[in-house]
Amino acid sequence: MWKFYRDVTLFALLFSAVTIPFGSLETASIVFGVLGTPVGLLSFNYFQKAEFYGYYNLGYTRYKLVAKTWLINLCVTPVLFLITLIISKLITLGTLTNS
């Protein structure tokens, strides 16, 4: 289960990291929460589709895997957003005090 979550979340984080030049850190965390998991699932389905059989043999259905991944990522997203807000605030405070 955790390998599936890790693989999907790595695809989602990669997709979010690609969006940083087009927006900001806050935008990337919102993209991770809204679009990251579906893009991660599509990427996992494209690159590692055969692994679903292994999870099915272990007793995990596709619905159970996707539901747990969504739930964990929905819980992680507000924390990630707060961390990015704090980082961006520290960056702006640092630039204000150094000039």
PDB file of N, CA and C in Angstrom:
ATOM      1  N   MET A   1       0.823  -1.192   0.000  1.00  0.00           N
ATOM      2  CA  MET A   1       0.000   0.000   0.000  1.00  0.00           C
ATOM      3  C   MET A   1       0.869   1.258   0.000  1.00  0.00           C
ATOM      4  N   TRP A   2       1.902   1.263   0.863  1.00  0.00           N
ATOM      5  CA  TRP A   2       2.710   2.477   0.968  1.00  0.00           C
ATOM      6  C   TRP A   2       3.573   2.691  -0.262  1.00  0.00           C
ATOM      7  N   LYS A   3       3.944   1.607  -0.930  1.00  0.00           N
ATOM      8  CA  LYS A   3       4.700   1.764  -2.170  1.00  0.00           C
ATOM      9  C   LYS A   3       3.829   2.422  -3.235  1.00  0.00           C
ATOM     10  N   PHE A   4       2.561   2.045  -3.297  1.00  0.00           N
ATOM     11  CA  PHE A   4       1.638   2.671  -4.236  1.00  0.00           C
ATOM     12  C   PHE A   4       1.488   4.156  -3.908  1.00  0.00           C
ATOM     13  N   TYR A   5       1.280   4.464  -2.621  1.00  0.00           N
ATOM     14  CA  TYR A   5       1.139   5.863  -2.219  1.00  0.00           C
ATOM     15  C   TYR A   5       2.401   6.650  -2.562  1.00  0.00           C
ATOM     16  N   ARG A   6       3.557   6.067  -2.275  1.00  0.00           N
ATOM     17  CA  ARG A   6       4.814   6.759  -2.564  1.00  0.00           C
ATOM     18  C   ARG A   6       4.980   7.026  -4.054  1.00  0.00           C
ATOM     19  N   ASP A   7       4.684   6.035  -4.881  1.00  0.00           N
ATOM     20  CA  ASP A   7       4.838   6.201  -6.324  1.00  0.00           C
ATOM     21  C   ASP A   7       3.892   7.262  -6.869  1.00  0.00           C
ATOM     22  N   VAL A   8       2.630   7.215  -6.457  1.00  0.00           N
ATOM     23  CA  VAL A   8       1.653   8.200  -6.940  1.00  0.00           C
ATOM     24  C   VAL A   8       2.016   9.593  -6.446  1.00  0.00           C
ATOM     25  N   THR A   9       2.436   9.701  -5.187  1.00  0.00           N
ATOM     26  CA  THR A   9       2.771  11.007  -4.632  1.00  0.00           C
ATOM     27  C   THR A   9       4.045  11.571  -5.255  1.00  0.00           C
ATOM     28  N   LEU A  10       4.991  10.726  -5.608  1.00  0.00           N
ATOM     29  CA  LEU A  10       6.189  11.232  -6.293  1.00  0.00           C
ATOM     30  C   LEU A  10       5.839  11.813  -7.662  1.00  0.00           C
ATOM     31  N   PHE A  11       4.944  11.148  -8.390  1.00  0.00           N
ATOM     32  CA  PHE A  11       4.480  11.715  -9.657  1.00  0.00           C
ATOM     33  C   PHE A  11       3.755  13.044  -9.415  1.00  0.00           C
ATOM     34  N   ALA A  12       2.947  13.108  -8.355  1.00  0.00           N
ATOM     35  CA  ALA A  12       2.209  14.333  -8.044  1.00  0.00           C
ATOM     36  C   ALA A  12       3.155  15.463  -7.653  1.00  0.00           C
ATOM     37  N   LEU A  13       4.171  15.150  -6.852  1.00  0.00           N
ATOM     38  CA  LEU A  13       5.144  16.173  -6.463  1.00  0.00           C
ATOM     39  C   LEU A  13       5.961  16.662  -7.652  1.00  0.00           C
ATOM     40  N   LEU A  14       6.297  15.758  -8.547  1.00  0.00           N
ATOM     41  CA  LEU A  14       7.015  16.158  -9.756  1.00  0.00           C
ATOM     42  C   LEU A  14       6.163  17.109 -10.592  1.00  0.00           C
ATOM     43  N   PHE A  15       4.890  16.784 -10.742  1.00  0.00           N
ATOM     44  CA  PHE A  15       3.982  17.656 -11.484  1.00  0.00           C
ATOM     45  C   PHE A  15       3.855  19.010 -10.795  1.00  0.00           C
ATOM     46  N   SER A  16       3.789  19.021  -9.466  1.00  0.00           N
ATOM     47  CA  SER A  16       3.697  20.280  -8.730  1.00  0.00           C
ATOM     48  C   SER A  16       4.979  21.088  -8.847  1.00  0.00           C
ATOM     49  N   ALA A  17       6.122  20.422  -8.832  1.00  0.00           N
ATOM     50  CA  ALA A  17       7.397  21.130  -8.957  1.00  0.00           C
ATOM     51  C   ALA A  17       7.542  21.777 -10.326  1.00  0.00           C
ATOM     52  N   VAL A  18       6.972  21.154 -11.341  1.00  0.00           N
ATOM     53  CA  VAL A  18       7.029  21.732 -12.686  1.00  0.00           C
ATOM     54  C   VAL A  18       6.211  23.017 -12.753  1.00  0.00           C
ATOM     55  N   THR A  19       5.184  23.150 -11.912  1.00  0.00           N
ATOM     56  CA  THR A  19       4.335  24.345 -11.944  1.00  0.00           C
ATOM     57  C   THR A  19       4.932  25.536 -11.194  1.00  0.00           C
ATOM     58  N   ILE A  20       6.006  25.345 -10.437  1.00  0.00           N
ATOM     59  CA  ILE A  20       6.585  26.450  -9.660  1.00  0.00           C
ATOM     60  C   ILE A  20       7.034  27.609 -10.548  1.00  0.00           C
ATOM     61  N   PRO A  21       7.712  27.391 -11.685  1.00  0.00           N
ATOM     62  CA  PRO A  21       8.103  28.541 -12.514  1.00  0.00           C
ATOM     63  C   PRO A  21       6.914  29.317 -13.087  1.00  0.00           C
ATOM     64  N   PHE A  22       5.771  28.677 -13.204  1.00  0.00           N
ATOM     65  CA  PHE A  22       4.600  29.353 -13.760  1.00  0.00           C
ATOM     66  C   PHE A  22       3.787  30.090 -12.706  1.00  0.00           C
ATOM     67  N   GLY A  23       4.052  29.835 -11.450  1.00  0.00           N
ATOM     68  CA  GLY A  23       3.303  30.478 -10.378  1.00  0.00           C
ATOM     69  C   GLY A  23       4.212  30.768  -9.205  1.00  0.00           C
ATOM     70  N   SER A  24       3.915  30.146  -8.088  1.00  0.00           N
ATOM     71  CA  SER A  24       4.710  30.324  -6.882  1.00  0.00           C
ATOM     72  C   SER A  24       4.677  29.029  -6.082  1.00  0.00           C
ATOM     73  N   LEU A  25       5.281  29.062  -4.899  1.00  0.00           N
ATOM     74  CA  LEU A  25       5.231  27.884  -4.045  1.00  0.00           C
ATOM     75  C   LEU A  25       3.803  27.580  -3.602  1.00  0.00           C
ATOM     76  N   GLU A  26       3.039  28.642  -3.328  1.00  0.00           N
ATOM     77  CA  GLU A  26       1.641  28.435  -2.927  1.00  0.00           C
ATOM     78  C   GLU A  26       0.840  27.798  -4.054  1.00  0.00           C
ATOM     79  N   THR A  27       1.085  28.246  -5.268  1.00  0.00           N
ATOM     80  CA  THR A  27       0.398  27.663  -6.425  1.00  0.00           C
ATOM     81  C   THR A  27       0.750  26.189  -6.570  1.00  0.00           C
ATOM     82  N   ALA A  28       2.007  25.861  -6.346  1.00  0.00           N
ATOM     83  CA  ALA A  28       2.428  24.464  -6.460  1.00  0.00           C
ATOM     84  C   ALA A  28       1.750  23.591  -5.412  1.00  0.00           C
ATOM     85  N   SER A  29       1.585  24.107  -4.190  1.00  0.00           N
ATOM     86  CA  SER A  29       0.918  23.297  -3.166  1.00  0.00           C
ATOM     87  C   SER A  29      -0.564  23.129  -3.469  1.00  0.00           C
ATOM     88  N   ILE A  30      -1.199  24.148  -4.043  1.00  0.00           N
ATOM     89  CA  ILE A  30      -2.604  24.018  -4.436  1.00  0.00           C
ATOM     90  C   ILE A  30      -2.738  23.043  -5.603  1.00  0.00           C
ATOM     91  N   VAL A  31      -1.823  23.116  -6.553  1.00  0.00           N
ATOM     92  CA  VAL A  31      -1.839  22.174  -7.678  1.00  0.00           C
ATOM     93  C   VAL A  31      -1.632  20.751  -7.171  1.00  0.00           C
ATOM     94  N   PHE A  32      -0.761  20.579  -6.176  1.00  0.00           N
ATOM     95  CA  PHE A  32      -0.565  19.255  -5.589  1.00  0.00           C
ATOM     96  C   PHE A  32      -1.862  18.732  -4.989  1.00  0.00           C
ATOM     97  N   GLY A  33      -2.583  19.591  -4.282  1.00  0.00           N
ATOM     98  CA  GLY A  33      -3.814  19.149  -3.640  1.00  0.00           C
ATOM     99  C   GLY A  33      -4.951  18.898  -4.602  1.00  0.00           C
ATOM    100  N   VAL A  34      -5.060  19.709  -5.644  1.00  0.00           N
ATOM    101  CA  VAL A  34      -6.199  19.606  -6.553  1.00  0.00           C
ATOM    102  C   VAL A  34      -5.913  18.657  -7.712  1.00  0.00           C
ATOM    103  N   LEU A  35      -4.795  18.845  -8.385  1.00  0.00           N
ATOM    104  CA  LEU A  35      -4.505  18.073  -9.594  1.00  0.00           C
ATOM    105  C   LEU A  35      -3.416  17.020  -9.421  1.00  0.00           C
ATOM    106  N   GLY A  36      -2.704  17.064  -8.315  1.00  0.00           N
ATOM    107  CA  GLY A  36      -1.568  16.171  -8.151  1.00  0.00           C
ATOM    108  C   GLY A  36      -1.922  14.703  -8.116  1.00  0.00           C
ATOM    109  N   THR A  37      -2.927  14.347  -7.331  1.00  0.00           N
ATOM    110  CA  THR A  37      -3.290  12.937  -7.222  1.00  0.00           C
ATOM    111  C   THR A  37      -3.841  12.378  -8.528  1.00  0.00           C
ATOM    112  N   PRO A  38      -4.746  13.087  -9.238  1.00  0.00           N
ATOM    113  CA  PRO A  38      -5.177  12.531 -10.527  1.00  0.00           C
ATOM    114  C   PRO A  38      -4.036  12.385 -11.535  1.00  0.00           C
ATOM    115  N   VAL A  39      -3.141  13.354 -11.579  1.00  0.00           N
ATOM    116  CA  VAL A  39      -2.001  13.249 -12.496  1.00  0.00           C
ATOM    117  C   VAL A  39      -1.075  12.116 -12.050  1.00  0.00           C
ATOM    118  N   GLY A  40      -0.890  11.974 -10.751  1.00  0.00           N
ATOM    119  CA  GLY A  40      -0.086  10.871 -10.239  1.00  0.00           C
ATOM    120  C   GLY A  40      -0.693   9.519 -10.564  1.00  0.00           C
ATOM    121  N   LEU A  41      -2.023   9.421 -10.466  1.00  0.00           N
ATOM    122  CA  LEU A  41      -2.697   8.165 -10.806  1.00  0.00           C
ATOM    123  C   LEU A  41      -2.598   7.867 -12.296  1.00  0.00           C
ATOM    124  N   LEU A  42      -2.756   8.893 -13.120  1.00  0.00           N
ATOM    125  CA  LEU A  42      -2.601   8.688 -14.562  1.00  0.00           C
ATOM    126  C   LEU A  42      -1.181   8.252 -14.907  1.00  0.00           C
ATOM    127  N   SER A  43      -0.202   8.879 -14.274  1.00  0.00           N
ATOM    128  CA  SER A  43       1.195   8.516 -14.528  1.00  0.00           C
ATOM    129  C   SER A  43       1.488   7.099 -14.051  1.00  0.00           C
ATOM    130  N   PHE A  44       0.975   6.753 -12.874  1.00  0.00           N
ATOM    131  CA  PHE A  44       1.175   5.396 -12.366  1.00  0.00           C
ATOM    132  C   PHE A  44       0.515   4.382 -13.284  1.00  0.00           C
ATOM    133  N   ASN A  45      -0.684   4.704 -13.747  1.00  0.00           N
ATOM    134  CA  ASN A  45      -1.401   3.804 -14.645  1.00  0.00           C
ATOM    135  C   ASN A  45      -0.647   3.637 -15.966  1.00  0.00           C
ATOM    136  N   TYR A  46       0.011   4.677 -16.426  1.00  0.00           N
ATOM    137  CA  TYR A  46       0.747   4.612 -17.687  1.00  0.00           C
ATOM    138  C   TYR A  46       2.072   3.860 -17.539  1.00  0.00           C
ATOM    139  N   PHE A  47       2.838   4.195 -16.489  1.00  0.00           N
ATOM    140  CA  PHE A  47       4.183   3.648 -16.354  1.00  0.00           C
ATOM    141  C   PHE A  47       4.244   2.323 -15.593  1.00  0.00           C
ATOM    142  N   GLN A  48       3.338   2.116 -14.643  1.00  0.00           N
ATOM    143  CA  GLN A  48       3.436   0.944 -13.770  1.00  0.00           C
ATOM    144  C   GLN A  48       2.106   0.200 -13.666  1.00  0.00           C
ATOM    145  N   LYS A  49       1.405   0.072 -14.745  1.00  0.00           N
ATOM    146  CA  LYS A  49       0.076  -0.530 -14.732  1.00  0.00           C
ATOM    147  C   LYS A  49       0.094  -1.979 -14.252  1.00  0.00           C
ATOM    148  N   ALA A  50       1.136  -2.714 -14.546  1.00  0.00           N
ATOM    149  CA  ALA A  50       1.204  -4.127 -14.169  1.00  0.00           C
ATOM    150  C   ALA A  50       1.239  -4.322 -12.653  1.00  0.00           C
ATOM    151  N   GLU A  51       1.646  -3.296 -11.902  1.00  0.00           N
ATOM    152  CA  GLU A  51       1.713  -3.436 -10.446  1.00  0.00           C
ATOM    153  C   GLU A  51       0.335  -3.548  -9.807  1.00  0.00           C
ATOM    154  N   PHE A  52      -0.716  -3.108 -10.504  1.00  0.00           N
ATOM    155  CA  PHE A  52      -2.057  -3.247  -9.944  1.00  0.00           C
ATOM    156  C   PHE A  52      -2.396  -4.714  -9.688  1.00  0.00           C
ATOM    157  N   TYR A  53      -1.883  -5.615 -10.508  1.00  0.00           N
ATOM    158  CA  TYR A  53      -2.135  -7.045 -10.295  1.00  0.00           C
ATOM    159  C   TYR A  53      -1.517  -7.523  -8.982  1.00  0.00           C
ATOM    160  N   GLY A  54      -0.342  -7.028  -8.672  1.00  0.00           N
ATOM    161  CA  GLY A  54       0.293  -7.388  -7.410  1.00  0.00           C
ATOM    162  C   GLY A  54      -0.501  -6.912  -6.216  1.00  0.00           C
ATOM    163  N   TYR A  55      -1.002  -5.678  -6.287  1.00  0.00           N
ATOM    164  CA  TYR A  55      -1.819  -5.164  -5.191  1.00  0.00           C
ATOM    165  C   TYR A  55      -3.131  -5.924  -5.082  1.00  0.00           C
ATOM    166  N   TYR A  56      -3.697  -6.301  -6.224  1.00  0.00           N
ATOM    167  CA  TYR A  56      -4.938  -7.074  -6.212  1.00  0.00           C
ATOM    168  C   TYR A  56      -4.709  -8.445  -5.580  1.00  0.00           C
ATOM    169  N   ASN A  57      -3.563  -9.056  -5.853  1.00  0.00           N
ATOM    170  CA  ASN A  57      -3.239 -10.347  -5.239  1.00  0.00           C
ATOM    171  C   ASN A  57      -3.018 -10.224  -3.736  1.00  0.00           C
ATOM    172  N   LEU A  58      -2.610  -9.054  -3.285  1.00  0.00           N
ATOM    173  CA  LEU A  58      -2.441  -8.821  -1.852  1.00  0.00           C
ATOM    174  C   LEU A  58      -3.750  -8.448  -1.162  1.00  0.00           C
ATOM    175  N   GLY A  59      -4.822  -8.283  -1.930  1.00  0.00           N
ATOM    176  CA  GLY A  59      -6.125  -7.988  -1.345  1.00  0.00           C
ATOM    177  C   GLY A  59      -6.544  -6.535  -1.434  1.00  0.00           C
ATOM    178  N   TYR A  60      -5.760  -5.709  -2.107  1.00  0.00           N
ATOM    179  CA  TYR A  60      -6.113  -4.300  -2.260  1.00  0.00           C
ATOM    180  C   TYR A  60      -6.828  -4.109  -3.592  1.00  0.00           C
ATOM    181  N   THR A  61      -7.995  -3.505  -3.547  1.00  0.00           N
ATOM    182  CA  THR A  61      -8.667  -3.160  -4.794  1.00  0.00           C
ATOM    183  C   THR A  61      -8.155  -1.811  -5.268  1.00  0.00           C
ATOM    184  N   ARG A  62      -8.393  -1.517  -6.512  1.00  0.00           N
ATOM    185  CA  ARG A  62      -7.970  -0.230  -7.063  1.00  0.00           C
ATOM    186  C   ARG A  62      -8.683   0.909  -6.335  1.00  0.00           C
ATOM    187  N   TYR A  63      -9.960   0.704  -6.023  1.00  0.00           N
ATOM    188  CA  TYR A  63     -10.733   1.727  -5.306  1.00  0.00           C
ATOM    189  C   TYR A  63     -10.128   1.995  -3.930  1.00  0.00           C
ATOM    190  N   LYS A  64      -9.742   0.947  -3.222  1.00  0.00           N
ATOM    191  CA  LYS A  64      -9.172   1.111  -1.887  1.00  0.00           C
ATOM    192  C   LYS A  64      -7.838   1.855  -1.954  1.00  0.00           C
ATOM    193  N   LEU A  65      -7.017   1.523  -2.940  1.00  0.00           N
ATOM    194  CA  LEU A  65      -5.727   2.200  -3.096  1.00  0.00           C
ATOM    195  C   LEU A  65      -5.909   3.682  -3.407  1.00  0.00           C
ATOM    196  N   VAL A  66      -6.809   3.978  -4.347  1.00  0.00           N
ATOM    197  CA  VAL A  66      -7.030   5.369  -4.750  1.00  0.00           C
ATOM    198  C   VAL A  66      -7.662   6.159  -3.616  1.00  0.00           C
ATOM    199  N   ALA A  67      -8.620   5.564  -2.905  1.00  0.00           N
ATOM    200  CA  ALA A  67      -9.291   6.270  -1.809  1.00  0.00           C
ATOM    201  C   ALA A  67      -8.312   6.615  -0.693  1.00  0.00           C
ATOM    202  N   LYS A  68      -7.450   5.688  -0.330  1.00  0.00           N
ATOM    203  CA  LYS A  68      -6.475   5.976   0.729  1.00  0.00           C
ATOM    204  C   LYS A  68      -5.457   7.022   0.281  1.00  0.00           C
ATOM    205  N   THR A  69      -5.069   6.966  -0.972  1.00  0.00           N
ATOM    206  CA  THR A  69      -4.130   7.963  -1.487  1.00  0.00           C
ATOM    207  C   THR A  69      -4.757   9.349  -1.474  1.00  0.00           C
ATOM    208  N   TRP A  70      -6.009   9.463  -1.928  1.00  0.00           N
ATOM    209  CA  TRP A  70      -6.713  10.743  -1.893  1.00  0.00           C
ATOM    210  C   TRP A  70      -6.825  11.258  -0.465  1.00  0.00           C
ATOM    211  N   LEU A  71      -7.203  10.385   0.468  1.00  0.00           N
ATOM    212  CA  LEU A  71      -7.391  10.801   1.851  1.00  0.00           C
ATOM    213  C   LEU A  71      -6.091  11.314   2.460  1.00  0.00           C
ATOM    214  N   ILE A  72      -5.017  10.597   2.250  1.00  0.00           N
ATOM    215  CA  ILE A  72      -3.732  11.026   2.809  1.00  0.00           C
ATOM    216  C   ILE A  72      -3.283  12.338   2.172  1.00  0.00           C
ATOM    217  N   ASN A  73      -3.411  12.464   0.854  1.00  0.00           N
ATOM    218  CA  ASN A  73      -2.987  13.701   0.191  1.00  0.00           C
ATOM    219  C   ASN A  73      -3.871  14.883   0.575  1.00  0.00           C
ATOM    220  N   LEU A  74      -5.155  14.650   0.812  1.00  0.00           N
ATOM    221  CA  LEU A  74      -6.019  15.742   1.266  1.00  0.00           C
ATOM    222  C   LEU A  74      -5.652  16.193   2.674  1.00  0.00           C
ATOM    223  N   CYS A  75      -5.148  15.291   3.498  1.00  0.00           N
ATOM    224  CA  CYS A  75      -4.689  15.674   4.834  1.00  0.00           C
ATOM    225  C   CYS A  75      -3.328  16.371   4.789  1.00  0.00           C
ATOM    226  N   VAL A  76      -2.497  16.008   3.831  1.00  0.00           N
ATOM    227  CA  VAL A  76      -1.154  16.581   3.723  1.00  0.00           C
ATOM    228  C   VAL A  76      -1.185  17.969   3.082  1.00  0.00           C
ATOM    229  N   THR A  77      -2.145  18.215   2.204  1.00  0.00           N
ATOM    230  CA  THR A  77      -2.173  19.464   1.439  1.00  0.00           C
ATOM    231  C   THR A  77      -2.261  20.717   2.308  1.00  0.00           C
ATOM    232  N   PRO A  78      -3.146  20.808   3.321  1.00  0.00           N
ATOM    233  CA  PRO A  78      -3.148  22.032   4.139  1.00  0.00           C
ATOM    234  C   PRO A  78      -1.831  22.258   4.876  1.00  0.00           C
ATOM    235  N   VAL A  79      -1.215  21.194   5.347  1.00  0.00           N
ATOM    236  CA  VAL A  79       0.077  21.329   6.021  1.00  0.00           C
ATOM    237  C   VAL A  79       1.134  21.823   5.036  1.00  0.00           C
ATOM    238  N   LEU A  80       1.139  21.255   3.842  1.00  0.00           N
ATOM    239  CA  LEU A  80       2.069  21.687   2.799  1.00  0.00           C
ATOM    240  C   LEU A  80       1.835  23.149   2.428  1.00  0.00           C
ATOM    241  N   PHE A  81       0.572  23.551   2.349  1.00  0.00           N
ATOM    242  CA  PHE A  81       0.253  24.937   2.021  1.00  0.00           C
ATOM    243  C   PHE A  81       0.742  25.884   3.114  1.00  0.00           C
ATOM    244  N   LEU A  82       0.552  25.517   4.383  1.00  0.00           N
ATOM    245  CA  LEU A  82       1.040  26.362   5.477  1.00  0.00           C
ATOM    246  C   LEU A  82       2.566  26.459   5.473  1.00  0.00           C
ATOM    247  N   ILE A  83       3.234  25.365   5.188  1.00  0.00           N
ATOM    248  CA  ILE A  83       4.698  25.389   5.125  1.00  0.00           C
ATOM    249  C   ILE A  83       5.172  26.300   3.998  1.00  0.00           C
ATOM    250  N   THR A  84       4.511  26.237   2.842  1.00  0.00           N
ATOM    251  CA  THR A  84       4.916  27.111   1.734  1.00  0.00           C
ATOM    252  C   THR A  84       4.608  28.573   2.039  1.00  0.00           C
ATOM    253  N   LEU A  85       3.518  28.832   2.762  1.00  0.00           N
ATOM    254  CA  LEU A  85       3.240  30.214   3.167  1.00  0.00           C
ATOM    255  C   LEU A  85       4.314  30.733   4.114  1.00  0.00           C
ATOM    256  N   ILE A  86       4.723  29.910   5.060  1.00  0.00           N
ATOM    257  CA  ILE A  86       5.768  30.316   5.999  1.00  0.00           C
ATOM    258  C   ILE A  86       7.087  30.547   5.265  1.00  0.00           C
ATOM    259  N   ILE A  87       7.434  29.667   4.348  1.00  0.00           N
ATOM    260  CA  ILE A  87       8.680  29.827   3.586  1.00  0.00           C
ATOM    261  C   ILE A  87       8.651  31.101   2.753  1.00  0.00           C
ATOM    262  N   SER A  88       7.531  31.354   2.075  1.00  0.00           N
ATOM    263  CA  SER A  88       7.458  32.567   1.254  1.00  0.00           C
ATOM    264  C   SER A  88       7.467  33.821   2.122  1.00  0.00           C
ATOM    265  N   LYS A  89       6.861  33.749   3.306  1.00  0.00           N
ATOM    266  CA  LYS A  89       6.880  34.896   4.215  1.00  0.00           C
ATOM    267  C   LYS A  89       8.295  35.141   4.729  1.00  0.00           C
ATOM    268  N   LEU A  90       9.018  34.084   5.056  1.00  0.00           N
ATOM    269  CA  LEU A  90      10.400  34.249   5.505  1.00  0.00           C
ATOM    270  C   LEU A  90      11.283  34.805   4.395  1.00  0.00           C
ATOM    271  N   ILE A  91      11.028  34.390   3.176  1.00  0.00           N
ATOM    272  CA  ILE A  91      11.804  34.915   2.048  1.00  0.00           C
ATOM    273  C   ILE A  91      11.539  36.403   1.871  1.00  0.00           C
ATOM    274  N   THR A  92      10.277  36.812   1.960  1.00  0.00           N
ATOM    275  CA  THR A  92       9.967  38.236   1.789  1.00  0.00           C
ATOM    276  C   THR A  92      10.491  39.052   2.960  1.00  0.00           C
ATOM    277  N   LEU A  93      10.439  38.526   4.169  1.00  0.00           N
ATOM    278  CA  LEU A  93      10.993  39.256   5.305  1.00  0.00           C
ATOM    279  C   LEU A  93      12.507  39.364   5.192  1.00  0.00           C
ATOM    280  N   GLY A  94      13.147  38.319   4.710  1.00  0.00           N
ATOM    281  CA  GLY A  94      14.601  38.358   4.536  1.00  0.00           C
ATOM    282  C   GLY A  94      15.019  39.364   3.485  1.00  0.00           C
ATOM    283  N   THR A  95      14.252  39.489   2.413  1.00  0.00           N
ATOM    284  CA  THR A  95      14.606  40.452   1.378  1.00  0.00           C
ATOM    285  C   THR A  95      14.309  41.868   1.834  1.00  0.00           C
ATOM    286  N   LEU A  96      13.313  42.034   2.689  1.00  0.00           N
ATOM    287  CA  LEU A  96      13.012  43.377   3.178  1.00  0.00           C
ATOM    288  C   LEU A  96      14.070  43.863   4.159  1.00  0.00           C
ATOM    289  N   THR A  97      14.602  42.982   4.997  1.00  0.00           N
ATOM    290  CA  THR A  97      15.589  43.409   5.987  1.00  0.00           C
ATOM    291  C   THR A  97      16.981  43.568   5.387  1.00  0.00           C
ATOM    292  N   ASN A  98      17.274  42.891   4.282  1.00  0.00           N
ATOM    293  CA  ASN A  98      18.608  42.982   3.682  1.00  0.00           C
ATOM    294  C   ASN A  98      18.760  44.178   2.751  1.00  0.00           C
ATOM    295  N   SER A  99      17.685  44.812   2.338  1.00  0.00           N
ATOM    296  CA  SER A  99      17.832  45.910   1.382  1.00  0.00           C
ATOM    297  C   SER A  99      17.926  47.249   2.012  1.00  0.00           C
TER     298      SER A  99
END
